[in-house]
C-alpha cells in the first residue's frame, strides 16, 4: 500500500524559513522521482518542485524558484523541501507524491500515485 507522511509545517512569518519532510512507503522509493505539491484555499493543486530518483535533476515552479530547494535521502525513503524567504502567497497545504513514470530529467507534470497523504499546513503570516 502506497503511503506518504508529510511533516514540518507550521506558522511562519514572512521572510522566514521552514523545512518539510515526507516519508514514502509501499513502493520502491529509490526508483521513483518525487514531487512536492500544494493546495491553497480556493485554488487548484499546484506542483511546486520535483526531483529525479537519484537526485541529479530538479525542477521548480516559477513562483518558488530561487527560494525553495528540494532534496532526498533514499536511505531514509524521505524527500525534503527547504522553503526560504516565505511569502503569504505560499500559504497552503503541502503534499508529496511519487512519479509513476521513470524519467531522466525532473518535470513538474509527472504522474502521481492515486494515494495521497494528509499533507502539512504551512501558514505564512505576521
Foldseek 3Di string as FASTA:
>chain_A
DWDKDKDWADEAAQQAKTKMKIAIDDDQLLQWKKWKWWDDPPDDIFTAKIAASVRPAMDGDPVQPPFKDWDDDSVRNMIMIIGGNDDQVVWTFMWMFTAPDHDPHDDRDGHGDPDTYPGHTHGYHD
